[in-house]
Amino acid sequence: MIIGYLFGRKRPEDDVTCASELTFELHKRFRQTMGTEICNVLRPFQFKISADPSKKESGNCAQVYYMGAKLTAEVILRAREICPLCPEISFPV
């Protein structure tokens, strides 16, 4: 969603190449890092990485969300390297 907000269309005739390339790159990196992007496959993964399976937070998706957010930030910060058509952005937006 944030890639679309930062790099998506503002008008119907705008080019979507940048947002499409960044989204593709994000999916690729997530798959490489986590092994899949399919939730029901990732859910059992959470039980394996939990320090103590008896704890309430065991099996939650916090690690998956964390990795998704981390990879998204990396892609956004390297947007111009990934797709030279992406506009320069400055923070805060």
PDB file of N, CA and C in Angstrom:
ATOM      1  N   MET A   1       0.819  -1.170   0.000  1.00  0.00           N
ATOM      2  CA  MET A   1       0.000   0.000   0.000  1.00  0.00           C
ATOM      3  C   MET A   1       0.878   1.255   0.000  1.00  0.00           C
ATOM      4  N   ILE A   2       1.943   1.245   0.781  1.00  0.00           N
ATOM      5  CA  ILE A   2       2.797   2.426   0.850  1.00  0.00           C
ATOM      6  C   ILE A   2       3.546   2.654  -0.465  1.00  0.00           C
ATOM      7  N   ILE A   3       3.884   1.586  -1.164  1.00  0.00           N
ATOM      8  CA  ILE A   3       4.517   1.752  -2.481  1.00  0.00           C
ATOM      9  C   ILE A   3       3.553   2.456  -3.424  1.00  0.00           C
ATOM     10  N   GLY A   4       2.305   2.061  -3.413  1.00  0.00           N
ATOM     11  CA  GLY A   4       1.293   2.723  -4.233  1.00  0.00           C
ATOM     12  C   GLY A   4       1.106   4.176  -3.844  1.00  0.00           C
ATOM     13  N   TYR A   5       1.112   4.445  -2.546  1.00  0.00           N
ATOM     14  CA  TYR A   5       0.950   5.816  -2.065  1.00  0.00           C
ATOM     15  C   TYR A   5       2.112   6.699  -2.530  1.00  0.00           C
ATOM     16  N   LEU A   6       3.321   6.199  -2.407  1.00  0.00           N
ATOM     17  CA  LEU A   6       4.495   7.001  -2.755  1.00  0.00           C
ATOM     18  C   LEU A   6       4.780   7.059  -4.254  1.00  0.00           C
ATOM     19  N   PHE A   7       4.533   5.949  -4.964  1.00  0.00           N
ATOM     20  CA  PHE A   7       4.977   5.855  -6.348  1.00  0.00           C
ATOM     21  C   PHE A   7       3.858   5.549  -7.343  1.00  0.00           C
ATOM     22  N   GLY A   8       2.648   5.430  -6.868  1.00  0.00           N
ATOM     23  CA  GLY A   8       1.537   5.104  -7.753  1.00  0.00           C
ATOM     24  C   GLY A   8       0.998   6.318  -8.491  1.00  0.00           C
ATOM     25  N   ARG A   9      -0.096   6.105  -9.173  1.00  0.00           N
ATOM     26  CA  ARG A   9      -0.713   7.173  -9.961  1.00  0.00           C
ATOM     27  C   ARG A   9      -1.328   8.256  -9.085  1.00  0.00           C
ATOM     28  N   LYS A  10      -1.207   9.461  -9.579  1.00  0.00           N
ATOM     29  CA  LYS A  10      -1.930  10.589  -9.000  1.00  0.00           C
ATOM     30  C   LYS A  10      -3.108  10.941  -9.917  1.00  0.00           C
ATOM     31  N   ARG A  11      -2.926  10.603 -11.206  1.00  0.00           N
ATOM     32  CA  ARG A  11      -3.957  10.824 -12.232  1.00  0.00           C
ATOM     33  C   ARG A  11      -4.081   9.541 -13.048  1.00  0.00           C
ATOM     34  N   PRO A  12      -5.239   9.276 -13.637  1.00  0.00           N
ATOM     35  CA  PRO A  12      -5.441   8.027 -14.394  1.00  0.00           C
ATOM     36  C   PRO A  12      -4.426   7.799 -15.517  1.00  0.00           C
ATOM     37  N   GLU A  13      -3.913   8.851 -16.097  1.00  0.00           N
ATOM     38  CA  GLU A  13      -2.987   8.697 -17.218  1.00  0.00           C
ATOM     39  C   GLU A  13      -1.523   8.526 -16.784  1.00  0.00           C
ATOM     40  N   ASP A  14      -1.241   8.577 -15.500  1.00  0.00           N
ATOM     41  CA  ASP A  14       0.135   8.422 -15.017  1.00  0.00           C
ATOM     42  C   ASP A  14       0.668   7.019 -15.292  1.00  0.00           C
ATOM     43  N   ASP A  15       1.972   6.957 -15.533  1.00  0.00           N
ATOM     44  CA  ASP A  15       2.666   5.687 -15.752  1.00  0.00           C
ATOM     45  C   ASP A  15       2.785   4.944 -14.415  1.00  0.00           C
ATOM     46  N   VAL A  16       2.577   3.640 -14.434  1.00  0.00           N
ATOM     47  CA  VAL A  16       2.660   2.840 -13.207  1.00  0.00           C
ATOM     48  C   VAL A  16       3.899   1.938 -13.180  1.00  0.00           C
ATOM     49  N   THR A  17       4.835   2.174 -14.076  1.00  0.00           N
ATOM     50  CA  THR A  17       6.025   1.325 -14.158  1.00  0.00           C
ATOM     51  C   THR A  17       6.788   1.276 -12.840  1.00  0.00           C
ATOM     52  N   CYS A  18       7.007   2.411 -12.221  1.00  0.00           N
ATOM     53  CA  CYS A  18       7.767   2.452 -10.974  1.00  0.00           C
ATOM     54  C   CYS A  18       7.094   1.600  -9.904  1.00  0.00           C
ATOM     55  N   ALA A  19       5.835   1.837  -9.638  1.00  0.00           N
ATOM     56  CA  ALA A  19       5.122   1.076  -8.599  1.00  0.00           C
ATOM     57  C   ALA A  19       5.107  -0.411  -8.924  1.00  0.00           C
ATOM     58  N   SER A  20       4.915  -0.746 -10.186  1.00  0.00           N
ATOM     59  CA  SER A  20       4.893  -2.158 -10.588  1.00  0.00           C
ATOM     60  C   SER A  20       6.240  -2.821 -10.374  1.00  0.00           C
ATOM     61  N   GLU A  21       7.311  -2.156 -10.763  1.00  0.00           N
ATOM     62  CA  GLU A  21       8.657  -2.710 -10.590  1.00  0.00           C
ATOM     63  C   GLU A  21       9.011  -2.875  -9.112  1.00  0.00           C
ATOM     64  N   LEU A  22       8.653  -1.887  -8.299  1.00  0.00           N
ATOM     65  CA  LEU A  22       8.959  -1.973  -6.872  1.00  0.00           C
ATOM     66  C   LEU A  22       8.157  -3.075  -6.198  1.00  0.00           C
ATOM     67  N   THR A  23       6.902  -3.224  -6.575  1.00  0.00           N
ATOM     68  CA  THR A  23       6.067  -4.280  -6.019  1.00  0.00           C
ATOM     69  C   THR A  23       6.604  -5.650  -6.410  1.00  0.00           C
ATOM     70  N   PHE A  24       7.009  -5.794  -7.661  1.00  0.00           N
ATOM     71  CA  PHE A  24       7.613  -7.047  -8.115  1.00  0.00           C
ATOM     72  C   PHE A  24       8.864  -7.359  -7.303  1.00  0.00           C
ATOM     73  N   GLU A  25       9.709  -6.354  -7.106  1.00  0.00           N
ATOM     74  CA  GLU A  25      10.950  -6.535  -6.339  1.00  0.00           C
ATOM     75  C   GLU A  25      10.644  -6.914  -4.894  1.00  0.00           C
ATOM     76  N   LEU A  26       9.652  -6.278  -4.288  1.00  0.00           N
ATOM     77  CA  LEU A  26       9.270  -6.604  -2.919  1.00  0.00           C
ATOM     78  C   LEU A  26       8.813  -8.060  -2.809  1.00  0.00           C
ATOM     79  N   HIS A  27       7.956  -8.492  -3.721  1.00  0.00           N
ATOM     80  CA  HIS A  27       7.490  -9.883  -3.703  1.00  0.00           C
ATOM     81  C   HIS A  27       8.663 -10.852  -3.866  1.00  0.00           C
ATOM     82  N   LYS A  28       9.561 -10.522  -4.775  1.00  0.00           N
ATOM     83  CA  LYS A  28      10.726 -11.378  -5.012  1.00  0.00           C
ATOM     84  C   LYS A  28      11.582 -11.494  -3.750  1.00  0.00           C
ATOM     85  N   ARG A  29      11.863 -10.369  -3.102  1.00  0.00           N
ATOM     86  CA  ARG A  29      12.693 -10.379  -1.895  1.00  0.00           C
ATOM     87  C   ARG A  29      12.000 -11.111  -0.743  1.00  0.00           C
ATOM     88  N   PHE A  30      10.687 -10.916  -0.619  1.00  0.00           N
ATOM     89  CA  PHE A  30       9.949 -11.591   0.447  1.00  0.00           C
ATOM     90  C   PHE A  30       9.996 -13.100   0.242  1.00  0.00           C
ATOM     91  N   ARG A  31       9.765 -13.539  -0.985  1.00  0.00           N
ATOM     92  CA  ARG A  31       9.825 -14.981  -1.297  1.00  0.00           C
ATOM     93  C   ARG A  31      11.209 -15.543  -1.008  1.00  0.00           C
ATOM     94  N   GLN A  32      12.253 -14.813  -1.395  1.00  0.00           N
ATOM     95  CA  GLN A  32      13.622 -15.278  -1.155  1.00  0.00           C
ATOM     96  C   GLN A  32      13.929 -15.370   0.338  1.00  0.00           C
ATOM     97  N   THR A  33      13.435 -14.417   1.099  1.00  0.00           N
ATOM     98  CA  THR A  33      13.720 -14.364   2.530  1.00  0.00           C
ATOM     99  C   THR A  33      12.886 -15.355   3.329  1.00  0.00           C
ATOM    100  N   MET A  34      11.592 -15.408   3.037  1.00  0.00           N
ATOM    101  CA  MET A  34      10.658 -16.202   3.836  1.00  0.00           C
ATOM    102  C   MET A  34      10.311 -17.549   3.206  1.00  0.00           C
ATOM    103  N   GLY A  35      10.676 -17.742   1.954  1.00  0.00           N
ATOM    104  CA  GLY A  35      10.397 -19.008   1.288  1.00  0.00           C
ATOM    105  C   GLY A  35       9.082 -19.052   0.545  1.00  0.00           C
ATOM    106  N   THR A  36       8.157 -18.176   0.901  1.00  0.00           N
ATOM    107  CA  THR A  36       6.846 -18.101   0.259  1.00  0.00           C
ATOM    108  C   THR A  36       6.174 -16.808   0.678  1.00  0.00           C
ATOM    109  N   GLU A  37       5.097 -16.469   0.014  1.00  0.00           N
ATOM    110  CA  GLU A  37       4.293 -15.329   0.437  1.00  0.00           C
ATOM    111  C   GLU A  37       2.872 -15.777   0.784  1.00  0.00           C
ATOM    112  N   ILE A  38       2.673 -17.073   0.878  1.00  0.00           N
ATOM    113  CA  ILE A  38       1.352 -17.637   1.136  1.00  0.00           C
ATOM    114  C   ILE A  38       1.153 -17.774   2.641  1.00  0.00           C
ATOM    115  N   CYS A  39       0.131 -17.095   3.158  1.00  0.00           N
ATOM    116  CA  CYS A  39      -0.093 -17.007   4.602  1.00  0.00           C
ATOM    117  C   CYS A  39      -0.212 -18.370   5.282  1.00  0.00           C
ATOM    118  N   ASN A  40      -1.007 -19.273   4.733  1.00  0.00           N
ATOM    119  CA  ASN A  40      -1.197 -20.549   5.429  1.00  0.00           C
ATOM    120  C   ASN A  40       0.069 -21.403   5.421  1.00  0.00           C
ATOM    121  N   VAL A  41       1.015 -21.108   4.556  1.00  0.00           N
ATOM    122  CA  VAL A  41       2.312 -21.784   4.581  1.00  0.00           C
ATOM    123  C   VAL A  41       3.210 -21.110   5.620  1.00  0.00           C
ATOM    124  N   LEU A  42       3.124 -19.795   5.742  1.00  0.00           N
ATOM    125  CA  LEU A  42       3.943 -19.054   6.699  1.00  0.00           C
ATOM    126  C   LEU A  42       3.496 -19.264   8.141  1.00  0.00           C
ATOM    127  N   ARG A  43       2.240 -19.482   8.361  1.00  0.00           N
ATOM    128  CA  ARG A  43       1.709 -19.614   9.728  1.00  0.00           C
ATOM    129  C   ARG A  43       2.432 -20.709  10.525  1.00  0.00           C
ATOM    130  N   PRO A  44       2.606 -21.914  10.011  1.00  0.00           N
ATOM    131  CA  PRO A  44       3.354 -22.929  10.781  1.00  0.00           C
ATOM    132  C   PRO A  44       4.811 -22.519  11.028  1.00  0.00           C
ATOM    133  N   PHE A  45       5.367 -21.719  10.142  1.00  0.00           N
ATOM    134  CA  PHE A  45       6.734 -21.223  10.297  1.00  0.00           C
ATOM    135  C   PHE A  45       6.869 -20.463  11.611  1.00  0.00           C
ATOM    136  N   GLN A  46       5.832 -19.726  11.993  1.00  0.00           N
ATOM    137  CA  GLN A  46       5.869 -18.958  13.233  1.00  0.00           C
ATOM    138  C   GLN A  46       6.058 -19.852  14.447  1.00  0.00           C
ATOM    139  N   PHE A  47       5.467 -21.030  14.446  1.00  0.00           N
ATOM    140  CA  PHE A  47       5.630 -21.928  15.578  1.00  0.00           C
ATOM    141  C   PHE A  47       7.070 -22.424  15.687  1.00  0.00           C
ATOM    142  N   LYS A  48       7.723 -22.575  14.562  1.00  0.00           N
ATOM    143  CA  LYS A  48       9.107 -23.057  14.559  1.00  0.00           C
ATOM    144  C   LYS A  48      10.074 -22.026  15.114  1.00  0.00           C
ATOM    145  N   ILE A  49       9.806 -20.726  14.893  1.00  0.00           N
ATOM    146  CA  ILE A  49      10.763 -19.698  15.324  1.00  0.00           C
ATOM    147  C   ILE A  49      10.456 -19.133  16.699  1.00  0.00           C
ATOM    148  N   SER A  50       9.320 -19.494  17.265  1.00  0.00           N
ATOM    149  CA  SER A  50       8.982 -18.996  18.594  1.00  0.00           C
ATOM    150  C   SER A  50       9.911 -19.614  19.635  1.00  0.00           C
ATOM    151  N   ALA A  51      10.391 -18.796  20.533  1.00  0.00           N
ATOM    152  CA  ALA A  51      11.316 -19.268  21.560  1.00  0.00           C
ATOM    153  C   ALA A  51      10.652 -20.274  22.490  1.00  0.00           C
ATOM    154  N   ASP A  52       9.415 -20.011  22.844  1.00  0.00           N
ATOM    155  CA  ASP A  52       8.704 -20.889  23.769  1.00  0.00           C
ATOM    156  C   ASP A  52       7.290 -21.124  23.241  1.00  0.00           C
ATOM    157  N   PRO A  53       7.050 -22.286  22.633  1.00  0.00           N
ATOM    158  CA  PRO A  53       5.744 -22.562  22.039  1.00  0.00           C
ATOM    159  C   PRO A  53       4.581 -22.521  23.008  1.00  0.00           C
ATOM    160  N   SER A  54       4.845 -22.598  24.325  1.00  0.00           N
ATOM    161  CA  SER A  54       3.754 -22.567  25.293  1.00  0.00           C
ATOM    162  C   SER A  54       3.262 -21.144  25.556  1.00  0.00           C
ATOM    163  N   LYS A  55       4.019 -20.142  25.128  1.00  0.00           N
ATOM    164  CA  LYS A  55       3.622 -18.755  25.362  1.00  0.00           C
ATOM    165  C   LYS A  55       2.505 -18.348  24.424  1.00  0.00           C
ATOM    166  N   LYS A  56       1.703 -17.411  24.895  1.00  0.00           N
ATOM    167  CA  LYS A  56       0.538 -16.950  24.156  1.00  0.00           C
ATOM    168  C   LYS A  56       0.898 -16.382  22.775  1.00  0.00           C
ATOM    169  N   GLU A  57       2.005 -15.646  22.697  1.00  0.00           N
ATOM    170  CA  GLU A  57       2.364 -15.018  21.422  1.00  0.00           C
ATOM    171  C   GLU A  57       2.968 -15.997  20.419  1.00  0.00           C
ATOM    172  N   SER A  58       3.205 -17.209  20.843  1.00  0.00           N
ATOM    173  CA  SER A  58       3.731 -18.225  19.940  1.00  0.00           C
ATOM    174  C   SER A  58       2.774 -18.447  18.787  1.00  0.00           C
ATOM    175  N   GLY A  59       3.295 -18.464  17.598  1.00  0.00           N
ATOM    176  CA  GLY A  59       2.467 -18.724  16.435  1.00  0.00           C
ATOM    177  C   GLY A  59       1.830 -17.487  15.843  1.00  0.00           C
ATOM    178  N   ASN A  60       2.092 -16.318  16.422  1.00  0.00           N
ATOM    179  CA  ASN A  60       1.525 -15.126  15.810  1.00  0.00           C
ATOM    180  C   ASN A  60       2.366 -14.729  14.602  1.00  0.00           C
ATOM    181  N   CYS A  61       1.913 -13.773  13.888  1.00  0.00           N
ATOM    182  CA  CYS A  61       2.563 -13.415  12.628  1.00  0.00           C
ATOM    183  C   CYS A  61       3.484 -12.207  12.755  1.00  0.00           C
ATOM    184  N   ALA A  62       3.880 -11.832  13.957  1.00  0.00           N
ATOM    185  CA  ALA A  62       4.697 -10.635  14.154  1.00  0.00           C
ATOM    186  C   ALA A  62       5.988 -10.676  13.338  1.00  0.00           C
ATOM    187  N   GLN A  63       6.659 -11.816  13.294  1.00  0.00           N
ATOM    188  CA  GLN A  63       7.917 -11.916  12.544  1.00  0.00           C
ATOM    189  C   GLN A  63       7.673 -11.741  11.049  1.00  0.00           C
ATOM    190  N   VAL A  64       6.578 -12.261  10.568  1.00  0.00           N
ATOM    191  CA  VAL A  64       6.242 -12.115   9.144  1.00  0.00           C
ATOM    192  C   VAL A  64       5.953 -10.649   8.834  1.00  0.00           C
ATOM    193  N   TYR A  65       5.174  -9.992   9.696  1.00  0.00           N
ATOM    194  CA  TYR A  65       4.876  -8.566   9.497  1.00  0.00           C
ATOM    195  C   TYR A  65       6.148  -7.736   9.560  1.00  0.00           C
ATOM    196  N   TYR A  66       6.996  -8.050  10.518  1.00  0.00           N
ATOM    197  CA  TYR A  66       8.263  -7.336  10.660  1.00  0.00           C
ATOM    198  C   TYR A  66       9.084  -7.454   9.376  1.00  0.00           C
ATOM    199  N   MET A  67       9.214  -8.670   8.866  1.00  0.00           N
ATOM    200  CA  MET A  67      10.022  -8.870   7.664  1.00  0.00           C
ATOM    201  C   MET A  67       9.409  -8.142   6.470  1.00  0.00           C
ATOM    202  N   GLY A  68       8.098  -8.190   6.350  1.00  0.00           N
ATOM    203  CA  GLY A  68       7.431  -7.472   5.264  1.00  0.00           C
ATOM    204  C   GLY A  68       7.686  -5.975   5.338  1.00  0.00           C
ATOM    205  N   ALA A  69       7.596  -5.408   6.527  1.00  0.00           N
ATOM    206  CA  ALA A  69       7.835  -3.973   6.702  1.00  0.00           C
ATOM    207  C   ALA A  69       9.298  -3.622   6.428  1.00  0.00           C
ATOM    208  N   LYS A  70      10.196  -4.458   6.907  1.00  0.00           N
ATOM    209  CA  LYS A  70      11.634  -4.216   6.694  1.00  0.00           C
ATOM    210  C   LYS A  70      11.977  -4.249   5.207  1.00  0.00           C
ATOM    211  N   LEU A  71      11.501  -5.259   4.506  1.00  0.00           N
ATOM    212  CA  LEU A  71      11.791  -5.373   3.082  1.00  0.00           C
ATOM    213  C   LEU A  71      11.139  -4.238   2.290  1.00  0.00           C
ATOM    214  N   THR A  72       9.939  -3.835   2.687  1.00  0.00           N
ATOM    215  CA  THR A  72       9.274  -2.718   2.014  1.00  0.00           C
ATOM    216  C   THR A  72      10.087  -1.444   2.174  1.00  0.00           C
ATOM    217  N   ALA A  73      10.572  -1.181   3.384  1.00  0.00           N
ATOM    218  CA  ALA A  73      11.395   0.009   3.611  1.00  0.00           C
ATOM    219  C   ALA A  73      12.667  -0.036   2.768  1.00  0.00           C
ATOM    220  N   GLU A  74      13.292  -1.192   2.698  1.00  0.00           N
ATOM    221  CA  GLU A  74      14.511  -1.318   1.886  1.00  0.00           C
ATOM    222  C   GLU A  74      14.224  -1.027   0.419  1.00  0.00           C
ATOM    223  N   VAL A  75      13.132  -1.562  -0.100  1.00  0.00           N
ATOM    224  CA  VAL A  75      12.771  -1.346  -1.504  1.00  0.00           C
ATOM    225  C   VAL A  75      12.490   0.138  -1.750  1.00  0.00           C
ATOM    226  N   ILE A  76      11.764   0.774  -0.851  1.00  0.00           N
ATOM    227  CA  ILE A  76      11.444   2.195  -1.016  1.00  0.00           C
ATOM    228  C   ILE A  76      12.710   3.039  -0.998  1.00  0.00           C
ATOM    229  N   LEU A  77      13.612   2.746  -0.074  1.00  0.00           N
ATOM    230  CA  LEU A  77      14.843   3.535   0.022  1.00  0.00           C
ATOM    231  C   LEU A  77      15.770   3.323  -1.175  1.00  0.00           C
ATOM    232  N   ARG A  78      15.623   2.216  -1.883  1.00  0.00           N
ATOM    233  CA  ARG A  78      16.448   1.933  -3.061  1.00  0.00           C
ATOM    234  C   ARG A  78      15.642   2.029  -4.367  1.00  0.00           C
ATOM    235  N   ALA A  79      14.538   2.730  -4.315  1.00  0.00           N
ATOM    236  CA  ALA A  79      13.617   2.787  -5.454  1.00  0.00           C
ATOM    237  C   ALA A  79      14.309   3.200  -6.748  1.00  0.00           C
ATOM    238  N   ARG A  80      15.116   4.240  -6.706  1.00  0.00           N
ATOM    239  CA  ARG A  80      15.778   4.722  -7.937  1.00  0.00           C
ATOM    240  C   ARG A  80      16.792   3.720  -8.474  1.00  0.00           C
ATOM    241  N   GLU A  81      17.416   2.942  -7.612  1.00  0.00           N
ATOM    242  CA  GLU A  81      18.338   1.893  -8.064  1.00  0.00           C
ATOM    243  C   GLU A  81      17.566   0.751  -8.724  1.00  0.00           C
ATOM    244  N   ILE A  82      16.427   0.414  -8.160  1.00  0.00           N
ATOM    245  CA  ILE A  82      15.612  -0.684  -8.673  1.00  0.00           C
ATOM    246  C   ILE A  82      14.948  -0.304  -9.989  1.00  0.00           C
ATOM    247  N   CYS A  83      14.421   0.897 -10.049  1.00  0.00           N
ATOM    248  CA  CYS A  83      13.740   1.378 -11.264  1.00  0.00           C
ATOM    249  C   CYS A  83      14.072   2.848 -11.456  1.00  0.00           C
ATOM    250  N   PRO A  84      14.944   3.168 -12.398  1.00  0.00           N
ATOM    251  CA  PRO A  84      15.340   4.561 -12.625  1.00  0.00           C
ATOM    252  C   PRO A  84      14.167   5.490 -12.986  1.00  0.00           C
ATOM    253  N   LEU A  85      13.025   4.930 -13.366  1.00  0.00           N
ATOM    254  CA  LEU A  85      11.858   5.757 -13.680  1.00  0.00           C
ATOM    255  C   LEU A  85      11.164   6.286 -12.424  1.00  0.00           C
ATOM    256  N   CYS A  86      11.534   5.763 -11.264  1.00  0.00           N
ATOM    257  CA  CYS A  86      10.900   6.216 -10.027  1.00  0.00           C
ATOM    258  C   CYS A  86      11.327   7.641  -9.712  1.00  0.00           C
ATOM    259  N   PRO A  87      10.400   8.449  -9.238  1.00  0.00           N
ATOM    260  CA  PRO A  87      10.757   9.818  -8.860  1.00  0.00           C
ATOM    261  C   PRO A  87      11.546   9.830  -7.562  1.00  0.00           C
ATOM    262  N   GLU A  88      12.303  10.884  -7.372  1.00  0.00           N
ATOM    263  CA  GLU A  88      12.981  11.073  -6.091  1.00  0.00           C
ATOM    264  C   GLU A  88      11.909  11.400  -5.052  1.00  0.00           C
ATOM    265  N   ILE A  89      12.052  10.842  -3.880  1.00  0.00           N
ATOM    266  CA  ILE A  89      11.159  11.207  -2.789  1.00  0.00           C
ATOM    267  C   ILE A  89      11.990  11.678  -1.626  1.00  0.00           C
ATOM    268  N   SER A  90      11.411  12.571  -0.850  1.00  0.00           N
ATOM    269  CA  SER A  90      12.094  13.022   0.352  1.00  0.00           C
ATOM    270  C   SER A  90      11.174  12.784   1.531  1.00  0.00           C
ATOM    271  N   PHE A  91      11.770  12.543   2.659  1.00  0.00           N
ATOM    272  CA  PHE A  91      10.994  12.246   3.853  1.00  0.00           C
ATOM    273  C   PHE A  91      11.084  13.425   4.803  1.00  0.00           C
ATOM    274  N   PRO A  92      10.070  13.749   5.543  1.00  0.00           N
ATOM    275  CA  PRO A  92       8.780  13.079   5.605  1.00  0.00           C
ATOM    276  C   PRO A  92       7.919  13.438   4.406  1.00  0.00           C
ATOM    277  N   VAL A  93       7.069  12.482   4.031  1.00  0.00           N
ATOM    278  CA  VAL A  93       6.178  12.674   2.884  1.00  0.00           C
ATOM    279  C   VAL A  93       4.866  13.211   3.367  1.00  0.00           C
TER     280      VAL A  93
END
